[in-house]
Protein backbone atom coordinates (compact mmCIF):
# COMPACT_ATOMS: atom_id res chain seq x y z
CA UNK A 1 -13.75 5.65 -6.34
CA UNK A 2 -15.33 6.79 -3.18
CA UNK A 3 -18.84 7.65 -2.87
CA UNK A 4 -20.35 9.71 0.07
CA UNK A 5 -23.89 11.07 1.00
CA UNK A 6 -24.96 13.73 3.39
CA UNK A 7 -28.20 12.76 5.23
CA UNK A 8 -30.01 15.40 7.32
CA UNK A 9 -29.73 19.22 7.72
CA UNK A 10 -29.66 21.95 5.32
CA UNK A 11 -30.12 25.67 6.12
CA UNK A 12 -29.68 29.06 4.41
CA UNK A 13 -27.39 31.18 6.50
CA UNK A 14 -28.82 34.78 6.41
CA UNK A 15 -25.92 37.41 6.48
CA UNK A 16 -27.85 40.57 7.75
CA UNK A 17 -24.85 42.65 7.56
CA UNK A 18 -24.46 42.03 3.77
CA UNK A 19 -27.97 41.31 2.78
CA UNK A 20 -27.11 37.86 1.49
CA UNK A 21 -28.19 34.32 2.13
CA UNK A 22 -25.89 31.31 1.65
CA UNK A 23 -26.51 27.59 1.66
CA UNK A 24 -25.31 25.53 4.31
CA UNK A 25 -25.91 22.81 7.01
CA UNK A 26 -23.62 20.08 8.40
CA UNK A 27 -24.92 17.32 6.17
CA UNK A 28 -25.50 19.55 3.10
CA UNK A 29 -21.82 21.08 3.46
CA UNK A 30 -20.49 17.55 3.56
CA UNK A 31 -21.98 16.57 0.21
CA UNK A 32 -20.80 19.94 -1.40
CA UNK A 33 -17.18 19.77 -0.23
CA UNK A 34 -16.98 16.22 -1.33
CA UNK A 35 -18.46 17.16 -4.72
CA UNK A 36 -15.99 20.15 -4.99
CA UNK A 37 -13.04 17.71 -4.16
CA UNK A 38 -14.01 15.68 -7.13
CA UNK A 39 -15.91 13.10 -5.20
CA UNK A 40 -19.18 11.45 -6.31
CA UNK A 41 -21.62 12.67 -3.70
CA UNK A 42 -25.39 12.93 -3.05
CA UNK A 43 -27.65 14.48 -0.38
CA UNK A 44 -30.88 13.40 1.24
CA UNK A 45 -32.76 15.88 3.33
CA UNK A 46 -36.04 17.91 3.64
CA UNK A 47 -36.61 21.13 1.69
CA UNK A 48 -39.14 23.76 2.38
CA UNK A 49 -41.26 25.16 -0.53
CA UNK A 50 -39.99 28.68 0.10
CA UNK A 51 -37.26 31.04 -1.32
CA UNK A 52 -34.61 29.53 0.95
CA UNK A 53 -35.21 25.84 -0.06
CA UNK A 54 -35.62 26.88 -3.68
CA UNK A 55 -32.02 28.61 -3.68
CA UNK A 56 -30.42 25.55 -2.13
CA UNK A 57 -31.99 23.15 -4.72
CA UNK A 58 -30.87 25.26 -7.49
CA UNK A 59 -27.29 25.42 -6.11
CA UNK A 60 -27.18 21.65 -5.81
CA UNK A 61 -28.52 21.11 -9.20
CA UNK A 62 -25.81 23.48 -10.58
CA UNK A 63 -23.28 21.41 -8.65
CA UNK A 64 -24.75 18.27 -10.17
CA UNK A 65 -25.41 16.74 -6.67
CA UNK A 66 -27.99 14.06 -6.72
CA UNK A 67 -31.05 14.96 -4.64
CA UNK A 68 -33.36 12.40 -5.97
CA UNK A 69 -34.33 10.94 -2.62
CA UNK A 70 -34.92 14.40 -0.93
CA UNK A 71 -38.39 15.35 0.47
CA UNK A 72 -40.14 18.61 -0.22
CA UNK A 73 -42.74 20.09 2.24
CA UNK A 74 -44.88 23.02 2.89
CA UNK A 75 -43.26 25.47 5.34
CA UNK A 76 -40.13 27.17 6.09
CA UNK A 77 -36.67 25.72 5.11
CA UNK A 78 -34.14 25.70 7.83
CA UNK A 79 -32.22 29.00 8.39
CA UNK A 80 -30.15 30.68 10.59
CA UNK A 81 -29.25 34.50 10.92
CA UNK A 82 -25.74 35.70 11.28
CA UNK A 83 -24.74 39.21 12.14
CA UNK A 84 -21.46 41.23 12.91
CA UNK A 85 -21.74 42.98 16.30
CA UNK A 86 -18.75 44.86 17.55
CA UNK A 87 -16.44 42.81 15.27
CA UNK A 88 -17.78 39.52 16.51
CA UNK A 89 -20.05 37.03 14.46
CA UNK A 90 -23.40 36.39 16.33
CA UNK A 91 -25.30 33.37 15.22
CA UNK A 92 -28.98 32.71 16.09
CA UNK A 93 -31.10 29.72 15.16
CA UNK A 94 -34.29 31.42 13.65
CA UNK A 95 -36.50 28.14 13.15
CA UNK A 96 -34.49 25.34 14.48
CA UNK A 97 -34.46 23.37 11.20
CA UNK A 98 -37.84 24.37 9.79
CA UNK A 99 -39.30 21.46 7.88
CA UNK A 100 -36.34 19.22 8.72
CA UNK A 101 -37.59 19.45 12.46
CA UNK A 102 -41.44 19.45 11.53
CA UNK A 103 -40.96 16.48 8.94
CA UNK A 104 -37.91 14.55 10.19
CA UNK A 105 -36.59 12.07 7.64
CA UNK A 106 -37.91 8.46 8.14
CA UNK A 107 -35.69 6.20 6.08
CA UNK A 108 -37.76 3.62 4.25
CA UNK A 109 -36.33 0.51 2.34
CA UNK A 110 -35.78 2.40 -0.67
CA UNK A 111 -33.72 4.89 1.09
CA UNK A 112 -31.74 2.28 2.76
CA UNK A 113 -31.20 0.44 -0.62
CA UNK A 114 -29.95 3.66 -2.05
CA UNK A 115 -27.64 4.70 0.86
CA UNK A 116 -26.17 1.12 0.86
CA UNK A 117 -24.33 2.06 -2.41
CA UNK A 118 -22.21 4.56 -0.72
CA UNK A 119 -18.81 4.22 1.23
CA UNK A 120 -19.98 6.73 4.10
CA UNK A 121 -22.88 8.78 5.37
CA UNK A 122 -22.63 11.99 7.24
CA UNK A 123 -25.40 13.42 9.41
CA UNK A 124 -25.56 15.69 12.50
CA UNK A 125 -27.16 16.75 15.69
CA UNK A 126 -29.03 19.36 13.85
CA UNK A 127 -30.81 16.74 11.60
CA UNK A 128 -33.38 15.14 14.06
CA UNK A 129 -31.94 11.60 12.90
CA UNK A 130 -31.47 10.03 16.15
CA UNK A 131 -34.17 7.35 15.63
CA UNK A 132 -32.80 6.50 12.24
CA UNK A 133 -29.23 6.17 12.40
CA UNK A 134 -29.45 2.37 13.73
CA UNK A 135 -30.95 1.58 10.33
CA UNK A 136 -27.80 3.04 8.85
CA UNK A 137 -25.50 1.00 11.16
CA UNK A 138 -27.46 -2.16 10.37
CA UNK A 139 -26.78 -1.94 6.62
CA UNK A 140 -23.07 -1.61 7.37
CA UNK A 141 -22.22 1.77 5.81
CA UNK A 142 -19.66 3.86 7.56
CA UNK A 143 -21.56 6.65 9.53
CA UNK A 144 -20.12 9.94 10.83
CA UNK A 145 -21.93 12.39 13.28
CA UNK A 146 -21.29 15.90 13.97
CA UNK A 147 -22.22 16.78 17.57
CA UNK A 148 -21.36 20.39 17.27
CA UNK A 149 -20.93 21.68 20.92
CA UNK A 150 -24.26 20.48 21.99
CA UNK A 151 -23.67 17.16 23.48
CA UNK A 152 -24.08 15.69 26.95
CA UNK A 153 -23.55 12.33 28.29
CA UNK A 154 -26.97 11.08 27.98
CA UNK A 155 -27.12 12.07 24.44
CA UNK A 156 -23.69 10.57 23.75
CA UNK A 157 -24.75 7.26 25.39
CA UNK A 158 -27.99 7.04 23.10
CA UNK A 159 -26.17 7.99 19.79
CA UNK A 160 -22.62 6.95 19.78
CA UNK A 161 -23.02 2.96 19.86
CA UNK A 162 -24.50 3.57 16.22
CA UNK A 163 -21.62 5.76 15.12
CA UNK A 164 -18.24 5.06 13.45
CA UNK A 165 -16.65 8.62 13.41
CA UNK A 166 -17.76 11.42 15.62
CA UNK A 167 -16.97 15.13 15.15
CA UNK A 168 -17.22 17.60 18.24
CA UNK A 169 -16.55 21.30 18.59
CA UNK A 170 -14.19 21.74 21.57
CA UNK A 171 -12.84 25.21 21.32
CA UNK A 172 -13.90 26.14 24.69
CA UNK A 173 -12.52 23.11 26.59
CA UNK A 174 -9.08 22.61 28.08
CA UNK A 175 -6.99 19.85 26.70
CA UNK A 176 -7.53 17.55 29.76
CA UNK A 177 -11.38 17.61 29.17
CA UNK A 178 -11.11 17.12 25.34
CA UNK A 179 -8.99 13.94 25.95
CA UNK A 180 -11.58 12.74 28.55
CA UNK A 181 -14.47 13.28 26.18
CA UNK A 182 -12.61 11.42 23.14
CA UNK A 183 -11.87 8.50 25.35
CA UNK A 184 -15.45 8.35 26.70
CA UNK A 185 -16.88 8.23 23.22
CA UNK A 186 -14.50 5.69 21.76
CA UNK A 187 -15.49 3.58 24.77
CA UNK A 188 -18.95 3.65 23.30
CA UNK A 189 -17.84 2.01 20.10
CA UNK A 190 -16.61 4.78 17.94
CA UNK A 191 -13.67 4.03 15.69
CA UNK A 192 -12.41 7.53 15.63
CA UNK A 193 -13.41 10.80 17.37
CA UNK A 194 -12.45 14.14 16.07
CA UNK A 195 -12.25 17.39 18.30
CA UNK A 196 -11.93 20.56 16.29
CA UNK A 197 -10.69 23.56 18.35
CA UNK A 198 -10.70 26.54 16.05
CA UNK A 199 -7.17 28.30 16.01
CA UNK A 200 -5.82 25.54 18.17
CA UNK A 201 -6.36 22.95 15.46
CA UNK A 202 -7.67 19.34 15.69
CA UNK A 203 -7.24 16.34 18.04
CA UNK A 204 -8.06 12.75 16.99
CA UNK A 205 -8.36 9.76 18.98
CA UNK A 206 -8.69 6.11 17.72
CA UNK A 207 -8.75 4.22 20.99
CA UNK A 208 -4.80 3.74 21.04
CA UNK A 209 -3.38 7.20 20.37
CA UNK A 210 -3.99 10.90 20.17
CA UNK A 211 -3.03 12.78 16.95
CA UNK A 212 -3.01 16.54 16.88
CA UNK A 213 -2.23 18.99 14.08
CA UNK A 214 -2.43 22.85 13.96
CA UNK A 215 -4.58 24.45 11.05
CA UNK A 216 -2.90 25.44 7.81
CA UNK A 217 -2.56 28.72 6.44
CA UNK A 218 -2.46 28.72 2.64
CA UNK A 219 -1.45 32.40 2.42
CA UNK A 220 -4.79 33.95 1.54
CA UNK A 221 -6.78 36.19 3.64
CA UNK A 222 -9.47 34.54 6.10
CA UNK A 223 -12.87 35.68 4.95
CA UNK A 224 -15.17 33.53 6.77
CA UNK A 225 -14.60 30.56 9.03
CA UNK A 226 -18.23 29.31 8.55
CA UNK A 227 -17.93 25.66 7.43
CA UNK A 228 -14.35 24.95 8.36
CA UNK A 229 -15.12 22.10 10.80
CA UNK A 230 -17.36 20.48 8.17
CA UNK A 231 -14.72 20.88 5.37
CA UNK A 232 -12.04 19.53 7.58
CA UNK A 233 -14.30 16.42 8.17
CA UNK A 234 -14.99 15.96 4.51
CA UNK A 235 -11.31 16.22 3.61
CA UNK A 236 -10.33 13.85 6.33
CA UNK A 237 -13.01 11.32 5.53
CA UNK A 238 -12.32 11.15 1.80
CA UNK A 239 -8.59 10.52 2.20
CA UNK A 240 -9.13 8.06 5.06
CA UNK A 241 -11.65 6.02 3.50
CA UNK A 242 -9.46 6.01 0.17
CA UNK A 243 -6.53 4.75 2.15
CA UNK A 244 -8.54 2.09 3.93
CA UNK A 245 -10.09 0.89 0.80
CA UNK A 246 -6.64 0.76 -1.01
CA UNK A 247 -5.15 -1.14 2.14
CA UNK A 248 -7.99 -3.76 2.14
CA UNK A 249 -7.77 -4.14 -1.58
CA UNK A 250 -4.04 -5.00 -1.49
CA UNK A 251 -4.46 -7.50 1.35
CA UNK A 252 -7.56 -9.12 -0.03
CA UNK A 253 -5.78 -9.62 -3.49
CA UNK A 254 -3.54 -12.30 -1.89
CA UNK A 255 -4.91 -14.21 1.00
CA UNK A 256 -1.54 -15.21 2.11
CA UNK A 257 -0.78 -11.51 2.89
CA UNK A 258 -0.86 -10.83 6.57
CA UNK A 259 0.75 -7.74 8.25
CA UNK A 260 2.18 -7.78 11.75
CA UNK A 261 0.02 -5.68 14.05
CA UNK A 262 2.81 -3.05 14.40
CA UNK A 263 2.84 -2.64 10.66
CA UNK A 264 -0.83 -2.17 10.66
CA UNK A 265 -0.65 0.48 13.34
CA UNK A 266 2.04 2.22 11.45
CA UNK A 267 -0.09 2.33 8.30
CA UNK A 268 -2.95 3.74 10.60
CA UNK A 269 -0.77 6.45 11.91
CA UNK A 270 0.46 7.47 8.52
CA UNK A 271 -3.03 7.33 7.14
CA UNK A 272 -4.47 9.51 9.86
CA UNK A 273 -1.78 12.10 9.74
CA UNK A 274 -2.21 12.32 5.94
CA UNK A 275 -5.95 12.52 6.28
CA UNK A 276 -5.59 15.26 8.76
CA UNK A 277 -3.48 17.21 6.19
CA UNK A 278 -6.16 16.75 3.61
CA UNK A 279 -8.70 17.92 5.99
CA UNK A 280 -6.61 21.00 6.78
CA UNK A 281 -6.24 22.00 3.14
CA UNK A 282 -10.00 21.87 2.52
CA UNK A 283 -10.74 23.84 5.72
CA UNK A 284 -8.23 26.54 4.82
CA UNK A 285 -9.65 26.93 1.30
CA UNK A 286 -13.13 27.11 2.93
CA UNK A 287 -12.21 30.04 5.10
CA UNK A 288 -11.37 32.08 1.85
CA UNK A 289 -14.93 32.28 0.70
CA UNK A 290 -18.07 33.99 2.05
CA UNK A 291 -20.57 31.56 3.58
CA UNK A 292 -20.03 27.94 3.87
CA UNK A 293 -19.13 27.45 0.18
CA UNK A 294 -20.31 30.72 -1.57
CA UNK A 295 -23.36 30.80 -3.82
CA UNK A 296 -24.80 33.84 -1.94
CA UNK A 297 -27.94 35.56 -3.30
CA UNK A 298 -30.01 38.54 -1.97
CA UNK A 299 -32.23 37.92 0.93
CA UNK A 300 -35.74 37.34 -0.02
CA UNK A 301 -38.32 39.73 1.42
CA UNK A 302 -40.33 36.72 2.90
CA UNK A 303 -37.29 35.54 4.92
CA UNK A 304 -37.04 38.81 6.74
């Protein structure tokens, strides 16, 4: 069984046009989507002692996601404000992570011993974890990182050597530029780089080959695309890790088993294609609910 953990950012997304707030954030979404997919998951982050933080905690408790290593600080929880203006969704960061920025996570030995039990860790550029990811790399747990669309080469150079799988939002880039960026990141040590491009789908590069897949349409009405990239990553990661574990278990069961390189590449190709399909299904499902994964509640007066 695969076990995963999101470490880092959490927010409430405040929908001014409906008067509701929803839990979200890259690292938090990863934990929730994994749990909703039947995978054991946990979350480690910083919550503010306010209405927003209290709401997220209650949702995670309802979902039975372990938050035993989380921190609670006086101050505002992370939040962003979303409004619909002339039919377009407008997002503004209200407090840049709130307590997650003011009290960034410093992983101690107990945290690392806890994280070591998982198959994968996911964090993001919004998590203020740049100084901590080397610790995760050193304990040998697979690490994925969401750069959103905020990266530059200096940032990539500093962070990518400690990351196994990167996710980037590339909807505004031309195909040639996307391929250049993916190659650049794999040369910094990443095993896989994922570029999400909205309606144009997803491109993945593994240092050998580009894989491309358009989004799925499950036949339902698209309600809200918030969290689509996070859910694609989660679905992809779960399937990819499961496939890799099964592959290694078979080979390790008999030391005389040794696949030729072209057979290993064939398995990798098919696994990536299948994992992209799993990601697509979860992303399509996410687009059919309000917020990143629902659980909206009325906006508290203290957040306005």
